[in-house]
Amino acid sequence: MKSQKMTSIYPYYRVFDEKGEQYCDCGWEKHAQDRVLENRGFSYRRIDAPKPLNPETVDVGVIPTEELSGQQGLPQAVERLHDDLRTEHELGLPQSDSMEF
């Protein structure tokens, strides 16, 4: 068989056994035909690349709706004053009696 450079995995050929279950995949049709000739009841089918999706653009608008009952947003932000921060610092661990170097 002549050497061929494969640039893509498509098309390839899928070989099925007598029960219709996949037996193997072949890169060349000749190899798929050989499997069918060697095994009674086998068949093969060409598998092409999947078709690209239609590149149609769809604009979707936002329709505001009321919130569901029981649904809550985030609570309001609370401004912290500097005094609050100082009080938290003072509530920390007590100063140790160890000496600094």
PDB file of N, CA and C in Angstrom:
ATOM      1  N   MET A   1       0.848  -1.174   0.000  1.00  0.00           N
ATOM      2  CA  MET A   1       0.000   0.000   0.000  1.00  0.00           C
ATOM      3  C   MET A   1       0.888   1.229   0.000  1.00  0.00           C
ATOM      4  N   LYS A   2       0.495   2.230  -0.747  1.00  0.00           N
ATOM      5  CA  LYS A   2       1.232   3.476  -0.856  1.00  0.00           C
ATOM      6  C   LYS A   2       1.137   4.253   0.447  1.00  0.00           C
ATOM      7  N   SER A   3       2.251   4.828   0.881  1.00  0.00           N
ATOM      8  CA  SER A   3       2.262   5.611   2.115  1.00  0.00           C
ATOM      9  C   SER A   3       1.516   6.922   1.904  1.00  0.00           C
ATOM     10  N   GLN A   4       0.595   7.226   2.800  1.00  0.00           N
ATOM     11  CA  GLN A   4      -0.175   8.461   2.722  1.00  0.00           C
ATOM     12  C   GLN A   4       0.009   9.233   4.019  1.00  0.00           C
ATOM     13  N   LYS A   5       0.163  10.545   3.889  1.00  0.00           N
ATOM     14  CA  LYS A   5       0.283  11.386   5.071  1.00  0.00           C
ATOM     15  C   LYS A   5      -1.120  11.773   5.523  1.00  0.00           C
ATOM     16  N   MET A   6      -1.436  11.500   6.790  1.00  0.00           N
ATOM     17  CA  MET A   6      -2.754  11.851   7.304  1.00  0.00           C
ATOM     18  C   MET A   6      -2.693  13.260   7.878  1.00  0.00           C
ATOM     19  N   THR A   7      -3.566  14.139   7.414  1.00  0.00           N
ATOM     20  CA  THR A   7      -3.605  15.504   7.914  1.00  0.00           C
ATOM     21  C   THR A   7      -4.737  15.699   8.911  1.00  0.00           C
ATOM     22  N   SER A   8      -5.678  14.778   8.944  1.00  0.00           N
ATOM     23  CA  SER A   8      -6.823  14.890   9.832  1.00  0.00           C
ATOM     24  C   SER A   8      -7.266  13.486  10.203  1.00  0.00           C
ATOM     25  N   ILE A   9      -8.016  13.375  11.279  1.00  0.00           N
ATOM     26  CA  ILE A   9      -8.512  12.042  11.630  1.00  0.00           C
ATOM     27  C   ILE A   9      -9.774  11.696  10.836  1.00  0.00           C
ATOM     28  N   TYR A  10     -10.310  12.668  10.124  1.00  0.00           N
ATOM     29  CA  TYR A  10     -11.516  12.439   9.327  1.00  0.00           C
ATOM     30  C   TYR A  10     -11.157  12.376   7.862  1.00  0.00           C
ATOM     31  N   PRO A  11     -11.834  11.633   7.048  1.00  0.00           N
ATOM     32  CA  PRO A  11     -12.800  10.620   7.461  1.00  0.00           C
ATOM     33  C   PRO A  11     -12.070   9.392   7.989  1.00  0.00           C
ATOM     34  N   TYR A  12     -12.766   8.602   8.775  1.00  0.00           N
ATOM     35  CA  TYR A  12     -12.255   7.292   9.162  1.00  0.00           C
ATOM     36  C   TYR A  12     -13.382   6.300   8.960  1.00  0.00           C
ATOM     37  N   TYR A  13     -13.079   5.033   9.129  1.00  0.00           N
ATOM     38  CA  TYR A  13     -14.048   3.981   8.814  1.00  0.00           C
ATOM     39  C   TYR A  13     -14.248   3.115  10.048  1.00  0.00           C
ATOM     40  N   ARG A  14     -15.495   2.995  10.469  1.00  0.00           N
ATOM     41  CA  ARG A  14     -15.841   2.225  11.660  1.00  0.00           C
ATOM     42  C   ARG A  14     -16.361   0.861  11.217  1.00  0.00           C
ATOM     43  N   VAL A  15     -15.765  -0.178  11.778  1.00  0.00           N
ATOM     44  CA  VAL A  15     -16.137  -1.557  11.450  1.00  0.00           C
ATOM     45  C   VAL A  15     -17.035  -2.094  12.560  1.00  0.00           C
ATOM     46  N   PHE A  16     -18.121  -2.765  12.148  1.00  0.00           N
ATOM     47  CA  PHE A  16     -19.102  -3.333  13.090  1.00  0.00           C
ATOM     48  C   PHE A  16     -19.130  -4.843  12.949  1.00  0.00           C
ATOM     49  N   ASP A  17     -19.351  -5.541  14.071  1.00  0.00           N
ATOM     50  CA  ASP A  17     -19.446  -6.999  14.021  1.00  0.00           C
ATOM     51  C   ASP A  17     -20.850  -7.421  13.608  1.00  0.00           C
ATOM     52  N   GLU A  18     -21.079  -8.722  13.619  1.00  0.00           N
ATOM     53  CA  GLU A  18     -22.379  -9.253  13.158  1.00  0.00           C
ATOM     54  C   GLU A  18     -23.546  -8.828  14.040  1.00  0.00           C
ATOM     55  N   LYS A  19     -23.272  -8.412  15.293  1.00  0.00           N
ATOM     56  CA  LYS A  19     -24.333  -7.943  16.187  1.00  0.00           C
ATOM     57  C   LYS A  19     -24.587  -6.442  16.028  1.00  0.00           C
ATOM     58  N   GLY A  20     -23.774  -5.767  15.197  1.00  0.00           N
ATOM     59  CA  GLY A  20     -23.930  -4.330  15.004  1.00  0.00           C
ATOM     60  C   GLY A  20     -23.151  -3.505  16.007  1.00  0.00           C
ATOM     61  N   GLU A  21     -22.317  -4.171  16.820  1.00  0.00           N
ATOM     62  CA  GLU A  21     -21.508  -3.453  17.803  1.00  0.00           C
ATOM     63  C   GLU A  21     -20.171  -3.058  17.183  1.00  0.00           C
ATOM     64  N   GLN A  22     -19.610  -1.948  17.648  1.00  0.00           N
ATOM     65  CA  GLN A  22     -18.358  -1.460  17.098  1.00  0.00           C
ATOM     66  C   GLN A  22     -17.247  -2.470  17.338  1.00  0.00           C
ATOM     67  N   TYR A  23     -16.507  -2.775  16.281  1.00  0.00           N
ATOM     68  CA  TYR A  23     -15.386  -3.714  16.371  1.00  0.00           C
ATOM     69  C   TYR A  23     -14.062  -2.960  16.389  1.00  0.00           C
ATOM     70  N   CYS A  24     -13.887  -2.023  15.448  1.00  0.00           N
ATOM     71  CA  CYS A  24     -12.672  -1.210  15.417  1.00  0.00           C
ATOM     72  C   CYS A  24     -12.875  -0.001  14.506  1.00  0.00           C
ATOM     73  N   ASP A  25     -11.920   0.930  14.547  1.00  0.00           N
ATOM     74  CA  ASP A  25     -11.893   2.075  13.646  1.00  0.00           C
ATOM     75  C   ASP A  25     -10.649   1.959  12.778  1.00  0.00           C
ATOM     76  N   CYS A  26     -10.780   2.298  11.508  1.00  0.00           N
ATOM     77  CA  CYS A  26      -9.660   2.224  10.573  1.00  0.00           C
ATOM     78  C   CYS A  26      -9.453   3.586   9.922  1.00  0.00           C
ATOM     79  N   GLY A  27      -8.197   3.943   9.702  1.00  0.00           N
ATOM     80  CA  GLY A  27      -7.883   5.212   9.059  1.00  0.00           C
ATOM     81  C   GLY A  27      -8.047   5.158   7.547  1.00  0.00           C
ATOM     82  N   TRP A  28      -7.953   3.977   6.967  1.00  0.00           N
ATOM     83  CA  TRP A  28      -8.109   3.829   5.520  1.00  0.00           C
ATOM     84  C   TRP A  28      -9.241   2.859   5.209  1.00  0.00           C
ATOM     85  N   GLU A  29      -9.959   3.159   4.173  1.00  0.00           N
ATOM     86  CA  GLU A  29     -11.086   2.317   3.776  1.00  0.00           C
ATOM     87  C   GLU A  29     -10.619   0.910   3.438  1.00  0.00           C
ATOM     88  N   LYS A  30      -9.445   0.769   2.837  1.00  0.00           N
ATOM     89  CA  LYS A  30      -8.910  -0.549   2.468  1.00  0.00           C
ATOM     90  C   LYS A  30      -8.780  -1.434   3.708  1.00  0.00           C
ATOM     91  N   HIS A  31      -8.329  -0.859   4.818  1.00  0.00           N
ATOM     92  CA  HIS A  31      -8.198  -1.651   6.046  1.00  0.00           C
ATOM     93  C   HIS A  31      -9.563  -2.088   6.569  1.00  0.00           C
ATOM     94  N   ALA A  32     -10.558  -1.214   6.482  1.00  0.00           N
ATOM     95  CA  ALA A  32     -11.913  -1.579   6.909  1.00  0.00           C
ATOM     96  C   ALA A  32     -12.457  -2.698   6.018  1.00  0.00           C
ATOM     97  N   GLN A  33     -12.209  -2.597   4.719  1.00  0.00           N
ATOM     98  CA  GLN A  33     -12.667  -3.641   3.791  1.00  0.00           C
ATOM     99  C   GLN A  33     -11.988  -4.970   4.102  1.00  0.00           C
ATOM    100  N   ASP A  34     -10.704  -4.927   4.444  1.00  0.00           N
ATOM    101  CA  ASP A  34      -9.991  -6.163   4.804  1.00  0.00           C
ATOM    102  C   ASP A  34     -10.616  -6.822   6.032  1.00  0.00           C
ATOM    103  N   ARG A  35     -10.975  -6.014   7.069  1.00  0.00           N
ATOM    104  CA  ARG A  35     -11.611  -6.579   8.275  1.00  0.00           C
ATOM    105  C   ARG A  35     -12.940  -7.250   7.900  1.00  0.00           C
ATOM    106  N   VAL A  36     -13.709  -6.624   6.997  1.00  0.00           N
ATOM    107  CA  VAL A  36     -15.008  -7.172   6.602  1.00  0.00           C
ATOM    108  C   VAL A  36     -14.822  -8.481   5.835  1.00  0.00           C
ATOM    109  N   LEU A  37     -13.804  -8.524   4.956  1.00  0.00           N
ATOM    110  CA  LEU A  37     -13.550  -9.747   4.188  1.00  0.00           C
ATOM    111  C   LEU A  37     -13.063 -10.893   5.083  1.00  0.00           C
ATOM    112  N   GLU A  38     -12.324 -10.565   6.130  1.00  0.00           N
ATOM    113  CA  GLU A  38     -11.796 -11.575   7.044  1.00  0.00           C
ATOM    114  C   GLU A  38     -12.865 -12.118   7.995  1.00  0.00           C
ATOM    115  N   ASN A  39     -13.905 -11.353   8.260  1.00  0.00           N
ATOM    116  CA  ASN A  39     -14.907 -11.729   9.260  1.00  0.00           C
ATOM    117  C   ASN A  39     -16.299 -11.700   8.641  1.00  0.00           C
ATOM    118  N   ARG A  40     -16.900 -12.874   8.528  1.00  0.00           N
ATOM    119  CA  ARG A  40     -18.233 -13.000   7.937  1.00  0.00           C
ATOM    120  C   ARG A  40     -19.266 -12.240   8.779  1.00  0.00           C
ATOM    121  N   GLY A  41     -20.105 -11.446   8.150  1.00  0.00           N
ATOM    122  CA  GLY A  41     -21.157 -10.718   8.847  1.00  0.00           C
ATOM    123  C   GLY A  41     -20.733  -9.327   9.304  1.00  0.00           C
ATOM    124  N   PHE A  42     -19.461  -8.986   9.152  1.00  0.00           N
ATOM    125  CA  PHE A  42     -18.999  -7.654   9.535  1.00  0.00           C
ATOM    126  C   PHE A  42     -19.393  -6.632   8.468  1.00  0.00           C
ATOM    127  N   SER A  43     -19.471  -5.376   8.873  1.00  0.00           N
ATOM    128  CA  SER A  43     -19.771  -4.282   7.937  1.00  0.00           C
ATOM    129  C   SER A  43     -18.967  -3.064   8.370  1.00  0.00           C
ATOM    130  N   TYR A  44     -18.905  -2.050   7.513  1.00  0.00           N
ATOM    131  CA  TYR A  44     -18.203  -0.829   7.894  1.00  0.00           C
ATOM    132  C   TYR A  44     -18.963   0.382   7.381  1.00  0.00           C
ATOM    133  N   ARG A  45     -18.650   1.532   7.982  1.00  0.00           N
ATOM    134  CA  ARG A  45     -19.303   2.782   7.593  1.00  0.00           C
ATOM    135  C   ARG A  45     -18.274   3.916   7.675  1.00  0.00           C
ATOM    136  N   ARG A  46     -18.373   4.849   6.748  1.00  0.00           N
ATOM    137  CA  ARG A  46     -17.477   6.014   6.735  1.00  0.00           C
ATOM    138  C   ARG A  46     -17.972   7.027   7.767  1.00  0.00           C
ATOM    139  N   ILE A  47     -17.068   7.570   8.562  1.00  0.00           N
ATOM    140  CA  ILE A  47     -17.388   8.586   9.556  1.00  0.00           C
ATOM    141  C   ILE A  47     -16.720   9.882   9.124  1.00  0.00           C
ATOM    142  N   ASP A  48     -17.525  10.883   8.813  1.00  0.00           N
ATOM    143  CA  ASP A  48     -17.017  12.190   8.400  1.00  0.00           C
ATOM    144  C   ASP A  48     -16.946  13.128   9.601  1.00  0.00           C
ATOM    145  N   ALA A  49     -16.233  14.231   9.413  1.00  0.00           N
ATOM    146  CA  ALA A  49     -16.125  15.251  10.467  1.00  0.00           C
ATOM    147  C   ALA A  49     -17.502  15.810  10.779  1.00  0.00           C
ATOM    148  N   PRO A  50     -17.763  16.155  12.038  1.00  0.00           N
ATOM    149  CA  PRO A  50     -19.060  16.737  12.379  1.00  0.00           C
ATOM    150  C   PRO A  50     -19.256  18.065  11.644  1.00  0.00           C
ATOM    151  N   LYS A  51     -20.464  18.314  11.266  1.00  0.00           N
ATOM    152  CA  LYS A  51     -20.791  19.569  10.583  1.00  0.00           C
ATOM    153  C   LYS A  51     -20.726  20.714  11.592  1.00  0.00           C
ATOM    154  N   PRO A  52     -20.154  21.868  11.194  1.00  0.00           N
ATOM    155  CA  PRO A  52     -20.105  23.000  12.127  1.00  0.00           C
ATOM    156  C   PRO A  52     -21.504  23.542  12.398  1.00  0.00           C
ATOM    157  N   LEU A  53     -21.661  24.110  13.569  1.00  0.00           N
ATOM    158  CA  LEU A  53     -22.947  24.701  13.923  1.00  0.00           C
ATOM    159  C   LEU A  53     -23.201  25.933  13.065  1.00  0.00           C
ATOM    160  N   ASN A  54     -24.443  26.217  12.829  1.00  0.00           N
ATOM    161  CA  ASN A  54     -24.817  27.407  12.073  1.00  0.00           C
ATOM    162  C   ASN A  54     -24.382  28.636  12.867  1.00  0.00           C
ATOM    163  N   PRO A  55     -23.571  29.518  12.260  1.00  0.00           N
ATOM    164  CA  PRO A  55     -23.047  30.656  13.020  1.00  0.00           C
ATOM    165  C   PRO A  55     -24.050  31.797  13.182  1.00  0.00           C
ATOM    166  N   GLU A  56     -25.303  31.471  13.335  1.00  0.00           N
ATOM    167  CA  GLU A  56     -26.341  32.488  13.484  1.00  0.00           C
ATOM    168  C   GLU A  56     -26.248  33.114  14.876  1.00  0.00           C
ATOM    169  N   THR A  57     -26.295  34.440  14.930  1.00  0.00           N
ATOM    170  CA  THR A  57     -26.239  35.157  16.197  1.00  0.00           C
ATOM    171  C   THR A  57     -27.652  35.490  16.640  1.00  0.00           C
ATOM    172  N   VAL A  58     -27.924  35.238  17.888  1.00  0.00           N
ATOM    173  CA  VAL A  58     -29.256  35.508  18.423  1.00  0.00           C
ATOM    174  C   VAL A  58     -29.112  36.526  19.549  1.00  0.00           C
ATOM    175  N   ASP A  59     -29.834  37.635  19.444  1.00  0.00           N
ATOM    176  CA  ASP A  59     -29.847  38.632  20.514  1.00  0.00           C
ATOM    177  C   ASP A  59     -30.964  38.282  21.483  1.00  0.00           C
ATOM    178  N   VAL A  60     -30.618  38.255  22.758  1.00  0.00           N
ATOM    179  CA  VAL A  60     -31.597  37.922  23.780  1.00  0.00           C
ATOM    180  C   VAL A  60     -31.710  39.109  24.718  1.00  0.00           C
ATOM    181  N   GLY A  61     -32.910  39.607  24.877  1.00  0.00           N
ATOM    182  CA  GLY A  61     -33.137  40.730  25.775  1.00  0.00           C
ATOM    183  C   GLY A  61     -33.424  40.257  27.186  1.00  0.00           C
ATOM    184  N   VAL A  62     -33.263  41.160  28.121  1.00  0.00           N
ATOM    185  CA  VAL A  62     -33.535  40.847  29.522  1.00  0.00           C
ATOM    186  C   VAL A  62     -34.938  41.332  29.851  1.00  0.00           C
ATOM    187  N   ILE A  63     -35.728  40.441  30.406  1.00  0.00           N
ATOM    188  CA  ILE A  63     -37.082  40.803  30.812  1.00  0.00           C
ATOM    189  C   ILE A  63     -37.096  40.821  32.329  1.00  0.00           C
ATOM    190  N   PRO A  64     -37.173  42.019  32.946  1.00  0.00           N
ATOM    191  CA  PRO A  64     -37.157  42.058  34.416  1.00  0.00           C
ATOM    192  C   PRO A  64     -38.424  41.410  34.993  1.00  0.00           C
ATOM    193  N   THR A  65     -38.221  40.631  36.006  1.00  0.00           N
ATOM    194  CA  THR A  65     -39.346  39.981  36.679  1.00  0.00           C
ATOM    195  C   THR A  65     -39.211  40.251  38.173  1.00  0.00           C
ATOM    196  N   GLU A  66     -40.282  40.037  38.869  1.00  0.00           N
ATOM    197  CA  GLU A  66     -40.237  40.218  40.320  1.00  0.00           C
ATOM    198  C   GLU A  66     -39.486  39.056  40.944  1.00  0.00           C
ATOM    199  N   GLU A  67     -38.913  39.317  42.115  1.00  0.00           N
ATOM    200  CA  GLU A  67     -38.201  38.248  42.794  1.00  0.00           C
ATOM    201  C   GLU A  67     -39.196  37.241  43.356  1.00  0.00           C
ATOM    202  N   LEU A  68     -38.732  36.031  43.485  1.00  0.00           N
ATOM    203  CA  LEU A  68     -39.566  34.991  44.069  1.00  0.00           C
ATOM    204  C   LEU A  68     -39.751  35.269  45.554  1.00  0.00           C
ATOM    205  N   SER A  69     -40.837  34.789  46.098  1.00  0.00           N
ATOM    206  CA  SER A  69     -41.062  34.992  47.526  1.00  0.00           C
ATOM    207  C   SER A  69     -39.989  34.258  48.315  1.00  0.00           C
ATOM    208  N   GLY A  70     -39.514  34.880  49.367  1.00  0.00           N
ATOM    209  CA  GLY A  70     -38.470  34.273  50.175  1.00  0.00           C
ATOM    210  C   GLY A  70     -37.080  34.552  49.659  1.00  0.00           C
ATOM    211  N   GLN A  71     -36.963  35.161  48.493  1.00  0.00           N
ATOM    212  CA  GLN A  71     -35.657  35.467  47.938  1.00  0.00           C
ATOM    213  C   GLN A  71     -35.152  36.773  48.542  1.00  0.00           C
ATOM    214  N   GLN A  72     -33.920  36.776  48.994  1.00  0.00           N
ATOM    215  CA  GLN A  72     -33.367  37.966  49.616  1.00  0.00           C
ATOM    216  C   GLN A  72     -32.052  38.325  48.945  1.00  0.00           C
ATOM    217  N   GLY A  73     -31.802  39.598  48.856  1.00  0.00           N
ATOM    218  CA  GLY A  73     -30.518  40.046  48.344  1.00  0.00           C
ATOM    219  C   GLY A  73     -29.511  40.094  49.476  1.00  0.00           C
ATOM    220  N   LEU A  74     -28.343  40.634  49.187  1.00  0.00           N
ATOM    221  CA  LEU A  74     -27.324  40.777  50.229  1.00  0.00           C
ATOM    222  C   LEU A  74     -27.750  41.854  51.205  1.00  0.00           C
ATOM    223  N   PRO A  75     -27.343  41.737  52.478  1.00  0.00           N
ATOM    224  CA  PRO A  75     -27.686  42.776  53.448  1.00  0.00           C
ATOM    225  C   PRO A  75     -26.960  44.077  53.098  1.00  0.00           C
ATOM    226  N   GLN A  76     -27.478  45.184  53.587  1.00  0.00           N
ATOM    227  CA  GLN A  76     -26.871  46.486  53.338  1.00  0.00           C
ATOM    228  C   GLN A  76     -25.476  46.527  53.949  1.00  0.00           C
ATOM    229  N   ALA A  77     -24.590  47.245  53.299  1.00  0.00           N
ATOM    230  CA  ALA A  77     -23.227  47.394  53.806  1.00  0.00           C
ATOM    231  C   ALA A  77     -23.260  48.220  55.084  1.00  0.00           C
ATOM    232  N   VAL A  78     -22.422  47.881  56.052  1.00  0.00           N
ATOM    233  CA  VAL A  78     -22.348  48.598  57.320  1.00  0.00           C
ATOM    234  C   VAL A  78     -21.028  49.353  57.335  1.00  0.00           C
ATOM    235  N   GLU A  79     -21.089  50.651  57.575  1.00  0.00           N
ATOM    236  CA  GLU A  79     -19.864  51.429  57.665  1.00  0.00           C
ATOM    237  C   GLU A  79     -19.250  51.219  59.027  1.00  0.00           C
ATOM    238  N   ARG A  80     -17.964  50.941  59.039  1.00  0.00           N
ATOM    239  CA  ARG A  80     -17.270  50.743  60.311  1.00  0.00           C
ATOM    240  C   ARG A  80     -16.526  52.026  60.645  1.00  0.00           C
ATOM    241  N   LEU A  81     -16.642  52.433  61.845  1.00  0.00           N
ATOM    242  CA  LEU A  81     -15.959  53.640  62.306  1.00  0.00           C
ATOM    243  C   LEU A  81     -14.621  53.271  62.918  1.00  0.00           C
ATOM    244  N   HIS A  82     -13.713  54.216  62.954  1.00  0.00           N
ATOM    245  CA  HIS A  82     -12.392  53.955  63.517  1.00  0.00           C
ATOM    246  C   HIS A  82     -12.492  53.545  64.985  1.00  0.00           C
ATOM    247  N   ASP A  83     -13.462  54.092  65.701  1.00  0.00           N
ATOM    248  CA  ASP A  83     -13.624  53.709  67.107  1.00  0.00           C
ATOM    249  C   ASP A  83     -13.924  52.223  67.230  1.00  0.00           C
ATOM    250  N   ASP A  84     -14.732  51.687  66.303  1.00  0.00           N
ATOM    251  CA  ASP A  84     -15.049  50.262  66.343  1.00  0.00           C
ATOM    252  C   ASP A  84     -13.780  49.428  66.199  1.00  0.00           C
ATOM    253  N   LEU A  85     -12.880  49.858  65.327  1.00  0.00           N
ATOM    254  CA  LEU A  85     -11.652  49.108  65.117  1.00  0.00           C
ATOM    255  C   LEU A  85     -10.770  49.153  66.356  1.00  0.00           C
ATOM    256  N   ARG A  86     -10.695  50.309  66.996  1.00  0.00           N
ATOM    257  CA  ARG A  86      -9.877  50.418  68.190  1.00  0.00           C
ATOM    258  C   ARG A  86     -10.419  49.516  69.301  1.00  0.00           C
ATOM    259  N   THR A  87     -11.718  49.456  69.450  1.00  0.00           N
ATOM    260  CA  THR A  87     -12.306  48.619  70.497  1.00  0.00           C
ATOM    261  C   THR A  87     -12.006  47.149  70.228  1.00  0.00           C
ATOM    262  N   GLU A  88     -12.051  46.726  68.977  1.00  0.00           N
ATOM    263  CA  GLU A  88     -11.749  45.333  68.656  1.00  0.00           C
ATOM    264  C   GLU A  88     -10.300  45.019  68.997  1.00  0.00           C
ATOM    265  N   HIS A  89      -9.393  45.970  68.726  1.00  0.00           N
ATOM    266  CA  HIS A  89      -7.978  45.751  69.026  1.00  0.00           C
ATOM    267  C   HIS A  89      -7.761  45.615  70.534  1.00  0.00           C
ATOM    268  N   GLU A  90      -8.453  46.414  71.287  1.00  0.00           N
ATOM    269  CA  GLU A  90      -8.314  46.369  72.740  1.00  0.00           C
ATOM    270  C   GLU A  90      -8.885  45.087  73.325  1.00  0.00           C
ATOM    271  N   LEU A  91      -9.842  44.468  72.632  1.00  0.00           N
ATOM    272  CA  LEU A  91     -10.447  43.235  73.127  1.00  0.00           C
ATOM    273  C   LEU A  91      -9.581  42.009  72.825  1.00  0.00           C
ATOM    274  N   GLY A  92      -8.446  42.188  72.181  1.00  0.00           N
ATOM    275  CA  GLY A  92      -7.562  41.083  71.815  1.00  0.00           C
ATOM    276  C   GLY A  92      -6.923  40.452  73.032  1.00  0.00           C
ATOM    277  N   LEU A  93      -5.840  39.708  72.809  1.00  0.00           N
ATOM    278  CA  LEU A  93      -5.135  39.028  73.896  1.00  0.00           C
ATOM    279  C   LEU A  93      -4.496  40.054  74.834  1.00  0.00           C
ATOM    280  N   PRO A  94      -4.411  39.733  76.125  1.00  0.00           N
ATOM    281  CA  PRO A  94      -3.769  40.660  77.059  1.00  0.00           C
ATOM    282  C   PRO A  94      -2.266  40.728  76.790  1.00  0.00           C
ATOM    283  N   GLN A  95      -1.658  41.841  77.102  1.00  0.00           N
ATOM    284  CA  GLN A  95      -0.233  42.034  76.898  1.00  0.00           C
ATOM    285  C   GLN A  95       0.539  41.074  77.802  1.00  0.00           C
ATOM    286  N   SER A  96       1.589  40.465  77.286  1.00  0.00           N
ATOM    287  CA  SER A  96       2.384  39.546  78.116  1.00  0.00           C
ATOM    288  C   SER A  96       3.383  40.341  78.965  1.00  0.00           C
ATOM    289  N   ASP A  97       3.910  39.687  79.989  1.00  0.00           N
ATOM    290  CA  ASP A  97       4.877  40.313  80.885  1.00  0.00           C
ATOM    291  C   ASP A  97       6.300  40.091  80.422  1.00  0.00           C
ATOM    292  N   SER A  98       6.509  39.458  79.280  1.00  0.00           N
ATOM    293  CA  SER A  98       7.870  39.164  78.816  1.00  0.00           C
ATOM    294  C   SER A  98       8.574  40.459  78.419  1.00  0.00           C
ATOM    295  N   MET A  99       9.890  40.435  78.497  1.00  0.00           N
ATOM    296  CA  MET A  99      10.688  41.606  78.172  1.00  0.00           C
ATOM    297  C   MET A  99      11.089  41.576  76.701  1.00  0.00           C
ATOM    298  N   GLU A 100      11.120  42.737  76.089  1.00  0.00           N
ATOM    299  CA  GLU A 100      11.543  42.842  74.704  1.00  0.00           C
ATOM    300  C   GLU A 100      13.050  42.932  74.633  1.00  0.00           C
ATOM    301  N   PHE A 101      13.679  42.428  73.594  1.00  0.00           N
ATOM    302  CA  PHE A 101      15.136  42.523  73.396  1.00  0.00           C
ATOM    303  C   PHE A 101      15.459  43.761  72.636  1.00  0.00           C
TER     304      PHE A 101
END
